[in-house]
Amino acid sequence: MAKHYIGEIGTDFLFDCGVSVSDATVQQIWYKKPDGSVQGSWGGSLYDSYSESAGLTGTYYVKYTTAVGDLDVGGLWEFQSYIATAAGTWWGETVQETIYDKFE
């Protein structure tokens, strides 16, 4: 599916970190809603796949699967992955995704 809509449940968002995140003890996806007034985070999980950024297969992704109430407003959302390990904490690049109203 090329477009994402308000109210989607079960959609996997994958964030390619470009470096191995296999040692991460905390994985989150931070978001900012289109009007910028609401920011928060969702608990993510590690995901193994081929990384375009790293050019390798391994644990390079943080994944989040949408649940009821997550995508509740249309417009341009911003997302950013966050991981923590024993060695430190890191933020991924900001990603923008348009969430559409139904029938758009």
PDB file of N, CA and C in Angstrom:
ATOM      1  N   MET A   1       0.846  -1.172   0.000  1.00  0.00           N
ATOM      2  CA  MET A   1       0.000   0.000   0.000  1.00  0.00           C
ATOM      3  C   MET A   1       0.895   1.239   0.000  1.00  0.00           C
ATOM      4  N   ALA A   2       0.689   2.097  -0.982  1.00  0.00           N
ATOM      5  CA  ALA A   2       1.541   3.273  -1.126  1.00  0.00           C
ATOM      6  C   ALA A   2       1.109   4.426  -0.233  1.00  0.00           C
ATOM      7  N   LYS A   3      -0.176   4.499   0.093  1.00  0.00           N
ATOM      8  CA  LYS A   3      -0.688   5.585   0.925  1.00  0.00           C
ATOM      9  C   LYS A   3      -1.189   5.008   2.250  1.00  0.00           C
ATOM     10  N   HIS A   4      -1.135   5.832   3.292  1.00  0.00           N
ATOM     11  CA  HIS A   4      -1.623   5.412   4.606  1.00  0.00           C
ATOM     12  C   HIS A   4      -2.747   6.346   5.033  1.00  0.00           C
ATOM     13  N   TYR A   5      -3.727   5.761   5.739  1.00  0.00           N
ATOM     14  CA  TYR A   5      -4.958   6.474   6.041  1.00  0.00           C
ATOM     15  C   TYR A   5      -5.247   6.530   7.540  1.00  0.00           C
ATOM     16  N   ILE A   6      -6.026   7.553   7.932  1.00  0.00           N
ATOM     17  CA  ILE A   6      -6.505   7.666   9.305  1.00  0.00           C
ATOM     18  C   ILE A   6      -7.168   6.352   9.704  1.00  0.00           C
ATOM     19  N   GLY A   7      -6.871   5.881  10.906  1.00  0.00           N
ATOM     20  CA  GLY A   7      -7.522   4.691  11.444  1.00  0.00           C
ATOM     21  C   GLY A   7      -6.906   3.362  11.053  1.00  0.00           C
ATOM     22  N   GLU A   8      -5.818   3.356  10.287  1.00  0.00           N
ATOM     23  CA  GLU A   8      -5.188   2.076   9.933  1.00  0.00           C
ATOM     24  C   GLU A   8      -4.712   1.358  11.192  1.00  0.00           C
ATOM     25  N   ILE A   9      -4.963   0.065  11.233  1.00  0.00           N
ATOM     26  CA  ILE A   9      -4.516  -0.785  12.335  1.00  0.00           C
ATOM     27  C   ILE A   9      -3.730  -1.936  11.728  1.00  0.00           C
ATOM     28  N   GLY A  10      -2.575  -2.241  12.286  1.00  0.00           N
ATOM     29  CA  GLY A  10      -1.772  -3.358  11.802  1.00  0.00           C
ATOM     30  C   GLY A  10      -0.765  -3.006  10.725  1.00  0.00           C
ATOM     31  N   THR A  11      -0.608  -1.728  10.437  1.00  0.00           N
ATOM     32  CA  THR A  11       0.380  -1.291   9.453  1.00  0.00           C
ATOM     33  C   THR A  11       1.756  -1.258  10.108  1.00  0.00           C
ATOM     34  N   ASP A  12       2.730  -1.892   9.475  1.00  0.00           N
ATOM     35  CA  ASP A  12       4.104  -1.878   9.979  1.00  0.00           C
ATOM     36  C   ASP A  12       4.856  -0.690   9.396  1.00  0.00           C
ATOM     37  N   PHE A  13       5.390   0.134  10.268  1.00  0.00           N
ATOM     38  CA  PHE A  13       6.310   1.187   9.873  1.00  0.00           C
ATOM     39  C   PHE A  13       7.710   0.701  10.228  1.00  0.00           C
ATOM     40  N   LEU A  14       8.609   0.682   9.240  1.00  0.00           N
ATOM     41  CA  LEU A  14       9.985   0.219   9.427  1.00  0.00           C
ATOM     42  C   LEU A  14      10.931   1.391   9.247  1.00  0.00           C
ATOM     43  N   PHE A  15      11.839   1.564  10.204  1.00  0.00           N
ATOM     44  CA  PHE A  15      12.797   2.654  10.178  1.00  0.00           C
ATOM     45  C   PHE A  15      14.201   2.078  10.089  1.00  0.00           C
ATOM     46  N   ASP A  16      14.841   2.269   8.933  1.00  0.00           N
ATOM     47  CA  ASP A  16      16.185   1.762   8.670  1.00  0.00           C
ATOM     48  C   ASP A  16      17.189   2.681   9.351  1.00  0.00           C
ATOM     49  N   CYS A  17      17.874   2.179  10.374  1.00  0.00           N
ATOM     50  CA  CYS A  17      18.830   2.989  11.140  1.00  0.00           C
ATOM     51  C   CYS A  17      20.197   3.090  10.473  1.00  0.00           C
ATOM     52  N   GLY A  18      20.488   2.186   9.533  1.00  0.00           N
ATOM     53  CA  GLY A  18      21.752   2.261   8.814  1.00  0.00           C
ATOM     54  C   GLY A  18      22.938   1.675   9.560  1.00  0.00           C
ATOM     55  N   VAL A  19      22.752   1.349  10.827  1.00  0.00           N
ATOM     56  CA  VAL A  19      23.771   0.703  11.653  1.00  0.00           C
ATOM     57  C   VAL A  19      23.079  -0.420  12.431  1.00  0.00           C
ATOM     58  N   SER A  20      23.851  -1.388  12.867  1.00  0.00           N
ATOM     59  CA  SER A  20      23.264  -2.472  13.644  1.00  0.00           C
ATOM     60  C   SER A  20      22.697  -1.938  14.951  1.00  0.00           C
ATOM     61  N   VAL A  21      21.450  -2.323  15.231  1.00  0.00           N
ATOM     62  CA  VAL A  21      20.801  -1.922  16.482  1.00  0.00           C
ATOM     63  C   VAL A  21      20.493  -3.155  17.337  1.00  0.00           C
ATOM     64  N   SER A  22      21.200  -4.246  17.061  1.00  0.00           N
ATOM     65  CA  SER A  22      20.915  -5.524  17.732  1.00  0.00           C
ATOM     66  C   SER A  22      21.135  -5.470  19.243  1.00  0.00           C
ATOM     67  N   ASP A  23      21.965  -4.545  19.731  1.00  0.00           N
ATOM     68  CA  ASP A  23      22.219  -4.424  21.168  1.00  0.00           C
ATOM     69  C   ASP A  23      21.263  -3.462  21.868  1.00  0.00           C
ATOM     70  N   ALA A  24      20.296  -2.918  21.141  1.00  0.00           N
ATOM     71  CA  ALA A  24      19.392  -1.929  21.728  1.00  0.00           C
ATOM     72  C   ALA A  24      18.526  -2.544  22.821  1.00  0.00           C
ATOM     73  N   THR A  25      18.450  -1.853  23.942  1.00  0.00           N
ATOM     74  CA  THR A  25      17.590  -2.285  25.045  1.00  0.00           C
ATOM     75  C   THR A  25      16.302  -1.478  25.077  1.00  0.00           C
ATOM     76  N   VAL A  26      16.298  -0.346  24.387  1.00  0.00           N
ATOM     77  CA  VAL A  26      15.101   0.479  24.229  1.00  0.00           C
ATOM     78  C   VAL A  26      14.971   0.805  22.753  1.00  0.00           C
ATOM     79  N   GLN A  27      13.766   0.587  22.207  1.00  0.00           N
ATOM     80  CA  GLN A  27      13.480   0.944  20.817  1.00  0.00           C
ATOM     81  C   GLN A  27      12.152   1.679  20.815  1.00  0.00           C
ATOM     82  N   GLN A  28      12.163   2.892  20.299  1.00  0.00           N
ATOM     83  CA  GLN A  28      10.937   3.686  20.261  1.00  0.00           C
ATOM     84  C   GLN A  28      10.816   4.388  18.918  1.00  0.00           C
ATOM     85  N   ILE A  29       9.578   4.735  18.591  1.00  0.00           N
ATOM     86  CA  ILE A  29       9.303   5.609  17.467  1.00  0.00           C
ATOM     87  C   ILE A  29       8.636   6.847  18.040  1.00  0.00           C
ATOM     88  N   TRP A  30       9.277   7.968  17.853  1.00  0.00           N
ATOM     89  CA  TRP A  30       8.720   9.241  18.297  1.00  0.00           C
ATOM     90  C   TRP A  30       7.956   9.850  17.136  1.00  0.00           C
ATOM     91  N   TYR A  31       6.882  10.557  17.435  1.00  0.00           N
ATOM     92  CA  TYR A  31       6.073  11.150  16.383  1.00  0.00           C
ATOM     93  C   TYR A  31       5.672  12.577  16.747  1.00  0.00           C
ATOM     94  N   LYS A  32       5.397  13.339  15.696  1.00  0.00           N
ATOM     95  CA  LYS A  32       4.831  14.676  15.841  1.00  0.00           C
ATOM     96  C   LYS A  32       3.664  14.749  14.863  1.00  0.00           C
ATOM     97  N   LYS A  33       2.480  15.052  15.397  1.00  0.00           N
ATOM     98  CA  LYS A  33       1.288  15.140  14.557  1.00  0.00           C
ATOM     99  C   LYS A  33       1.352  16.390  13.679  1.00  0.00           C
ATOM    100  N   PRO A  34       0.525  16.438  12.631  1.00  0.00           N
ATOM    101  CA  PRO A  34       0.628  17.514  11.637  1.00  0.00           C
ATOM    102  C   PRO A  34       0.599  18.940  12.167  1.00  0.00           C
ATOM    103  N   ASP A  35      -0.188  19.226  13.196  1.00  0.00           N
ATOM    104  CA  ASP A  35      -0.223  20.606  13.686  1.00  0.00           C
ATOM    105  C   ASP A  35       0.919  20.914  14.651  1.00  0.00           C
ATOM    106  N   GLY A  36       1.741  19.895  14.982  1.00  0.00           N
ATOM    107  CA  GLY A  36       2.915  20.088  15.823  1.00  0.00           C
ATOM    108  C   GLY A  36       2.630  20.183  17.313  1.00  0.00           C
ATOM    109  N   SER A  37       1.349  20.199  17.689  1.00  0.00           N
ATOM    110  CA  SER A  37       1.021  20.385  19.100  1.00  0.00           C
ATOM    111  C   SER A  37       1.098  19.098  19.907  1.00  0.00           C
ATOM    112  N   VAL A  38       0.986  17.962  19.247  1.00  0.00           N
ATOM    113  CA  VAL A  38       1.007  16.684  19.957  1.00  0.00           C
ATOM    114  C   VAL A  38       2.238  15.896  19.528  1.00  0.00           C
ATOM    115  N   GLN A  39       3.060  15.568  20.511  1.00  0.00           N
ATOM    116  CA  GLN A  39       4.227  14.728  20.282  1.00  0.00           C
ATOM    117  C   GLN A  39       4.193  13.594  21.289  1.00  0.00           C
ATOM    118  N   GLY A  40       4.739  12.456  20.916  1.00  0.00           N
ATOM    119  CA  GLY A  40       4.764  11.321  21.818  1.00  0.00           C
ATOM    120  C   GLY A  40       5.619  10.208  21.241  1.00  0.00           C
ATOM    121  N   SER A  41       5.514   9.032  21.840  1.00  0.00           N
ATOM    122  CA  SER A  41       6.301   7.904  21.346  1.00  0.00           C
ATOM    123  C   SER A  41       5.521   6.609  21.476  1.00  0.00           C
ATOM    124  N   TRP A  42       5.899   5.663  20.635  1.00  0.00           N
ATOM    125  CA  TRP A  42       5.352   4.320  20.669  1.00  0.00           C
ATOM    126  C   TRP A  42       6.514   3.354  20.884  1.00  0.00           C
ATOM    127  N   GLY A  43       6.292   2.304  21.635  1.00  0.00           N
ATOM    128  CA  GLY A  43       7.317   1.284  21.825  1.00  0.00           C
ATOM    129  C   GLY A  43       7.520   0.498  20.538  1.00  0.00           C
ATOM    130  N   GLY A  44       8.746   0.406  20.104  1.00  0.00           N
ATOM    131  CA  GLY A  44       9.058  -0.320  18.880  1.00  0.00           C
ATOM    132  C   GLY A  44       9.667  -1.673  19.181  1.00  0.00           C
ATOM    133  N   SER A  45      10.036  -2.362  18.127  1.00  0.00           N
ATOM    134  CA  SER A  45      10.735  -3.642  18.265  1.00  0.00           C
ATOM    135  C   SER A  45      11.841  -3.694  17.219  1.00  0.00           C
ATOM    136  N   LEU A  46      12.797  -4.572  17.439  1.00  0.00           N
ATOM    137  CA  LEU A  46      13.883  -4.737  16.484  1.00  0.00           C
ATOM    138  C   LEU A  46      13.406  -5.601  15.333  1.00  0.00           C
ATOM    139  N   TYR A  47      13.930  -5.343  14.145  1.00  0.00           N
ATOM    140  CA  TYR A  47      13.492  -6.042  12.942  1.00  0.00           C
ATOM    141  C   TYR A  47      14.706  -6.349  12.080  1.00  0.00           C
ATOM    142  N   ASP A  48      14.827  -7.591  11.665  1.00  0.00           N
ATOM    143  CA  ASP A  48      15.934  -8.034  10.808  1.00  0.00           C
ATOM    144  C   ASP A  48      15.528  -7.987   9.347  1.00  0.00           C
ATOM    145  N   SER A  49      16.355  -7.363   8.538  1.00  0.00           N
ATOM    146  CA  SER A  49      16.125  -7.323   7.102  1.00  0.00           C
ATOM    147  C   SER A  49      17.347  -6.724   6.422  1.00  0.00           C
ATOM    148  N   TYR A  50      17.280  -6.639   5.092  1.00  0.00           N
ATOM    149  CA  TYR A  50      18.337  -5.982   4.333  1.00  0.00           C
ATOM    150  C   TYR A  50      18.212  -4.476   4.521  1.00  0.00           C
ATOM    151  N   SER A  51      19.306  -3.824   4.852  1.00  0.00           N
ATOM    152  CA  SER A  51      19.335  -2.379   5.035  1.00  0.00           C
ATOM    153  C   SER A  51      19.907  -1.712   3.792  1.00  0.00           C
ATOM    154  N   GLU A  52      19.100  -0.856   3.164  1.00  0.00           N
ATOM    155  CA  GLU A  52      19.597  -0.074   2.028  1.00  0.00           C
ATOM    156  C   GLU A  52      20.737   0.841   2.476  1.00  0.00           C
ATOM    157  N   SER A  53      20.595   1.421   3.658  1.00  0.00           N
ATOM    158  CA  SER A  53      21.604   2.359   4.173  1.00  0.00           C
ATOM    159  C   SER A  53      22.934   1.675   4.451  1.00  0.00           C
ATOM    160  N   ALA A  54      22.882   0.492   5.070  1.00  0.00           N
ATOM    161  CA  ALA A  54      24.115  -0.217   5.438  1.00  0.00           C
ATOM    162  C   ALA A  54      24.612  -1.129   4.321  1.00  0.00           C
ATOM    163  N   GLY A  55      23.705  -1.532   3.417  1.00  0.00           N
ATOM    164  CA  GLY A  55      24.085  -2.452   2.351  1.00  0.00           C
ATOM    165  C   GLY A  55      24.297  -3.867   2.860  1.00  0.00           C
ATOM    166  N   LEU A  56      23.682  -4.206   3.983  1.00  0.00           N
ATOM    167  CA  LEU A  56      23.858  -5.515   4.612  1.00  0.00           C
ATOM    168  C   LEU A  56      22.520  -6.026   5.147  1.00  0.00           C
ATOM    169  N   THR A  57      22.487  -7.315   5.447  1.00  0.00           N
ATOM    170  CA  THR A  57      21.330  -7.903   6.105  1.00  0.00           C
ATOM    171  C   THR A  57      21.658  -8.095   7.578  1.00  0.00           C
ATOM    172  N   GLY A  58      20.710  -7.754   8.435  1.00  0.00           N
ATOM    173  CA  GLY A  58      20.902  -7.890   9.879  1.00  0.00           C
ATOM    174  C   GLY A  58      19.860  -7.085  10.618  1.00  0.00           C
ATOM    175  N   THR A  59      20.133  -6.781  11.869  1.00  0.00           N
ATOM    176  CA  THR A  59      19.194  -6.032  12.703  1.00  0.00           C
ATOM    177  C   THR A  59      19.495  -4.542  12.571  1.00  0.00           C
ATOM    178  N   TYR A  60      18.907  -3.940  11.555  1.00  0.00           N
ATOM    179  CA  TYR A  60      19.139  -2.527  11.250  1.00  0.00           C
ATOM    180  C   TYR A  60      17.890  -1.670  11.402  1.00  0.00           C
ATOM    181  N   TYR A  61      16.767  -2.300  11.731  1.00  0.00           N
ATOM    182  CA  TYR A  61      15.488  -1.596  11.735  1.00  0.00           C
ATOM    183  C   TYR A  61      14.842  -1.556  13.112  1.00  0.00           C
ATOM    184  N   VAL A  62      14.097  -0.466  13.334  1.00  0.00           N
ATOM    185  CA  VAL A  62      13.133  -0.401  14.426  1.00  0.00           C
ATOM    186  C   VAL A  62      11.765  -0.431  13.745  1.00  0.00           C
ATOM    187  N   LYS A  63      10.877  -1.284  14.260  1.00  0.00           N
ATOM    188  CA  LYS A  63       9.560  -1.478  13.658  1.00  0.00           C
ATOM    189  C   LYS A  63       8.481  -1.079  14.663  1.00  0.00           C
ATOM    190  N   TYR A  64       7.431  -0.473  14.126  1.00  0.00           N
ATOM    191  CA  TYR A  64       6.242  -0.222  14.936  1.00  0.00           C
ATOM    192  C   TYR A  64       5.015  -0.630  14.127  1.00  0.00           C
ATOM    193  N   THR A  65       4.087  -1.334  14.757  1.00  0.00           N
ATOM    194  CA  THR A  65       2.837  -1.750  14.132  1.00  0.00           C
ATOM    195  C   THR A  65       1.712  -0.912  14.712  1.00  0.00           C
ATOM    196  N   THR A  66       0.987  -0.219  13.847  1.00  0.00           N
ATOM    197  CA  THR A  66      -0.055   0.694  14.318  1.00  0.00           C
ATOM    198  C   THR A  66      -1.169  -0.052  15.036  1.00  0.00           C
ATOM    199  N   ALA A  67      -1.717   0.618  16.056  1.00  0.00           N
ATOM    200  CA  ALA A  67      -2.809   0.086  16.875  1.00  0.00           C
ATOM    201  C   ALA A  67      -3.989   1.059  16.820  1.00  0.00           C
ATOM    202  N   VAL A  68      -5.076   0.675  17.439  1.00  0.00           N
ATOM    203  CA  VAL A  68      -6.280   1.506  17.484  1.00  0.00           C
ATOM    204  C   VAL A  68      -5.950   2.890  18.048  1.00  0.00           C
ATOM    205  N   GLY A  69      -6.351   3.927  17.337  1.00  0.00           N
ATOM    206  CA  GLY A  69      -6.182   5.294  17.805  1.00  0.00           C
ATOM    207  C   GLY A  69      -4.854   5.950  17.474  1.00  0.00           C
ATOM    208  N   ASP A  70      -3.913   5.207  16.897  1.00  0.00           N
ATOM    209  CA  ASP A  70      -2.596   5.801  16.614  1.00  0.00           C
ATOM    210  C   ASP A  70      -2.661   6.882  15.536  1.00  0.00           C
ATOM    211  N   LEU A  71      -3.144   6.525  14.377  1.00  0.00           N
ATOM    212  CA  LEU A  71      -3.203   7.459  13.250  1.00  0.00           C
ATOM    213  C   LEU A  71      -4.590   8.095  13.238  1.00  0.00           C
ATOM    214  N   ASP A  72      -4.739   9.149  14.013  1.00  0.00           N
ATOM    215  CA  ASP A  72      -6.070   9.711  14.253  1.00  0.00           C
ATOM    216  C   ASP A  72      -6.331  11.050  13.582  1.00  0.00           C
ATOM    217  N   VAL A  73      -5.375  11.552  12.836  1.00  0.00           N
ATOM    218  CA  VAL A  73      -5.555  12.838  12.162  1.00  0.00           C
ATOM    219  C   VAL A  73      -4.784  12.809  10.836  1.00  0.00           C
ATOM    220  N   GLY A  74      -5.361  13.417   9.816  1.00  0.00           N
ATOM    221  CA  GLY A  74      -4.707  13.476   8.516  1.00  0.00           C
ATOM    222  C   GLY A  74      -3.711  14.613   8.438  1.00  0.00           C
ATOM    223  N   GLY A  75      -2.768  14.481   7.529  1.00  0.00           N
ATOM    224  CA  GLY A  75      -1.774  15.523   7.303  1.00  0.00           C
ATOM    225  C   GLY A  75      -0.369  14.950   7.317  1.00  0.00           C
ATOM    226  N   LEU A  76       0.612  15.833   7.357  1.00  0.00           N
ATOM    227  CA  LEU A  76       2.020  15.447   7.298  1.00  0.00           C
ATOM    228  C   LEU A  76       2.560  15.183   8.702  1.00  0.00           C
ATOM    229  N   TRP A  77       2.777  13.925   9.018  1.00  0.00           N
ATOM    230  CA  TRP A  77       3.339  13.500  10.299  1.00  0.00           C
ATOM    231  C   TRP A  77       4.857  13.456  10.174  1.00  0.00           C
ATOM    232  N   GLU A  78       5.542  13.550  11.321  1.00  0.00           N
ATOM    233  CA  GLU A  78       6.985  13.342  11.379  1.00  0.00           C
ATOM    234  C   GLU A  78       7.265  12.206  12.358  1.00  0.00           C
ATOM    235  N   PHE A  79       8.197  11.334  11.980  1.00  0.00           N
ATOM    236  CA  PHE A  79       8.573  10.184  12.798  1.00  0.00           C
ATOM    237  C   PHE A  79      10.086  10.163  12.951  1.00  0.00           C
ATOM    238  N   GLN A  80      10.544   9.630  14.087  1.00  0.00           N
ATOM    239  CA  GLN A  80      11.976   9.508  14.327  1.00  0.00           C
ATOM    240  C   GLN A  80      12.215   8.314  15.242  1.00  0.00           C
ATOM    241  N   SER A  81      13.117   7.428  14.821  1.00  0.00           N
ATOM    242  CA  SER A  81      13.454   6.281  15.659  1.00  0.00           C
ATOM    243  C   SER A  81      14.417   6.713  16.765  1.00  0.00           C
ATOM    244  N   TYR A  82      14.369   5.977  17.869  1.00  0.00           N
ATOM    245  CA  TYR A  82      15.224   6.243  19.025  1.00  0.00           C
ATOM    246  C   TYR A  82      15.624   4.894  19.606  1.00  0.00           C
ATOM    247  N   ILE A  83      16.907   4.735  19.870  1.00  0.00           N
ATOM    248  CA  ILE A  83      17.379   3.502  20.522  1.00  0.00           C
ATOM    249  C   ILE A  83      18.323   3.852  21.665  1.00  0.00           C
ATOM    250  N   ALA A  84      18.374   2.948  22.623  1.00  0.00           N
ATOM    251  CA  ALA A  84      19.326   3.068  23.727  1.00  0.00           C
ATOM    252  C   ALA A  84      20.026   1.731  23.889  1.00  0.00           C
ATOM    253  N   THR A  85      21.324   1.786  24.158  1.00  0.00           N
ATOM    254  CA  THR A  85      22.137   0.609  24.460  1.00  0.00           C
ATOM    255  C   THR A  85      22.941   0.932  25.717  1.00  0.00           C
ATOM    256  N   ALA A  86      23.723  -0.024  26.159  1.00  0.00           N
ATOM    257  CA  ALA A  86      24.605   0.227  27.302  1.00  0.00           C
ATOM    258  C   ALA A  86      25.635   1.309  26.976  1.00  0.00           C
ATOM    259  N   ALA A  87      25.934   1.488  25.688  1.00  0.00           N
ATOM    260  CA  ALA A  87      26.948   2.452  25.279  1.00  0.00           C
ATOM    261  C   ALA A  87      26.418   3.869  25.058  1.00  0.00           C
ATOM    262  N   GLY A  88      25.089   4.036  24.929  1.00  0.00           N
ATOM    263  CA  GLY A  88      24.558   5.371  24.695  1.00  0.00           C
ATOM    264  C   GLY A  88      23.171   5.344  24.088  1.00  0.00           C
ATOM    265  N   THR A  89      22.734   6.532  23.650  1.00  0.00           N
ATOM    266  CA  THR A  89      21.425   6.679  23.017  1.00  0.00           C
ATOM    267  C   THR A  89      21.585   7.401  21.689  1.00  0.00           C
ATOM    268  N   TRP A  90      20.694   7.065  20.726  1.00  0.00           N
ATOM    269  CA  TRP A  90      20.776   7.652  19.394  1.00  0.00           C
ATOM    270  C   TRP A  90      19.397   7.876  18.813  1.00  0.00           C
ATOM    271  N   TRP A  91      19.311   8.910  17.970  1.00  0.00           N
ATOM    272  CA  TRP A  91      18.111   9.238  17.208  1.00  0.00           C
ATOM    273  C   TRP A  91      18.359   8.942  15.742  1.00  0.00           C
ATOM    274  N   GLY A  92      17.357   8.431  15.068  1.00  0.00           N
ATOM    275  CA  GLY A  92      17.436   8.245  13.624  1.00  0.00           C
ATOM    276  C   GLY A  92      17.059   9.534  12.911  1.00  0.00           C
ATOM    277  N   GLU A  93      17.142   9.493  11.586  1.00  0.00           N
ATOM    278  CA  GLU A  93      16.748  10.653  10.797  1.00  0.00           C
ATOM    279  C   GLU A  93      15.237  10.843  10.856  1.00  0.00           C
ATOM    280  N   THR A  94      14.812  12.096  10.769  1.00  0.00           N
ATOM    281  CA  THR A  94      13.386  12.396  10.751  1.00  0.00           C
ATOM    282  C   THR A  94      12.802  11.960   9.410  1.00  0.00           C
ATOM    283  N   VAL A  95      11.658  11.291   9.491  1.00  0.00           N
ATOM    284  CA  VAL A  95      10.949  10.815   8.305  1.00  0.00           C
ATOM    285  C   VAL A  95       9.576  11.472   8.292  1.00  0.00           C
ATOM    286  N   GLN A  96       9.160  11.953   7.142  1.00  0.00           N
ATOM    287  CA  GLN A  96       7.826  12.533   7.007  1.00  0.00           C
ATOM    288  C   GLN A  96       6.936  11.592   6.215  1.00  0.00           C
ATOM    289  N   GLU A  97       5.683  11.467   6.662  1.00  0.00           N
ATOM    290  CA  GLU A  97       4.720  10.598   5.995  1.00  0.00           C
ATOM    291  C   GLU A  97       3.360  11.283   6.034  1.00  0.00           C
ATOM    292  N   THR A  98       2.721  11.387   4.877  1.00  0.00           N
ATOM    293  CA  THR A  98       1.376  11.944   4.822  1.00  0.00           C
ATOM    294  C   THR A  98       0.377  10.862   5.188  1.00  0.00           C
ATOM    295  N   ILE A  99      -0.487  11.166   6.144  1.00  0.00           N
ATOM    296  CA  ILE A  99      -1.596  10.291   6.520  1.00  0.00           C
ATOM    297  C   ILE A  99      -2.842  10.935   5.937  1.00  0.00           C
ATOM    298  N   TYR A 100      -3.546  10.173   5.112  1.00  0.00           N
ATOM    299  CA  TYR A 100      -4.679  10.711   4.357  1.00  0.00           C
ATOM    300  C   TYR A 100      -6.007  10.453   5.045  1.00  0.00           C
ATOM    301  N   ASP A 101      -6.944  11.376   4.799  1.00  0.00           N
ATOM    302  CA  ASP A 101      -8.333  11.135   5.184  1.00  0.00           C
ATOM    303  C   ASP A 101      -8.894  10.067   4.263  1.00  0.00           C
ATOM    304  N   LYS A 102      -9.914   9.388   4.701  1.00  0.00           N
ATOM    305  CA  LYS A 102     -10.539   8.373   3.860  1.00  0.00           C
ATOM    306  C   LYS A 102     -10.994   8.984   2.541  1.00  0.00           C
ATOM    307  N   PHE A 103     -10.881   8.236   1.487  1.00  0.00           N
ATOM    308  CA  PHE A 103     -11.290   8.596   0.122  1.00  0.00           C
ATOM    309  C   PHE A 103     -10.401   9.660  -0.531  1.00  0.00           C
ATOM    310  N   GLU A 104      -9.264   9.978   0.071  1.00  0.00           N
ATOM    311  CA  GLU A 104      -8.325  10.909  -0.585  1.00  0.00           C
ATOM    312  C   GLU A 104      -7.412  10.121  -1.487  1.00  0.00           C
TER     313      GLU A 104
END
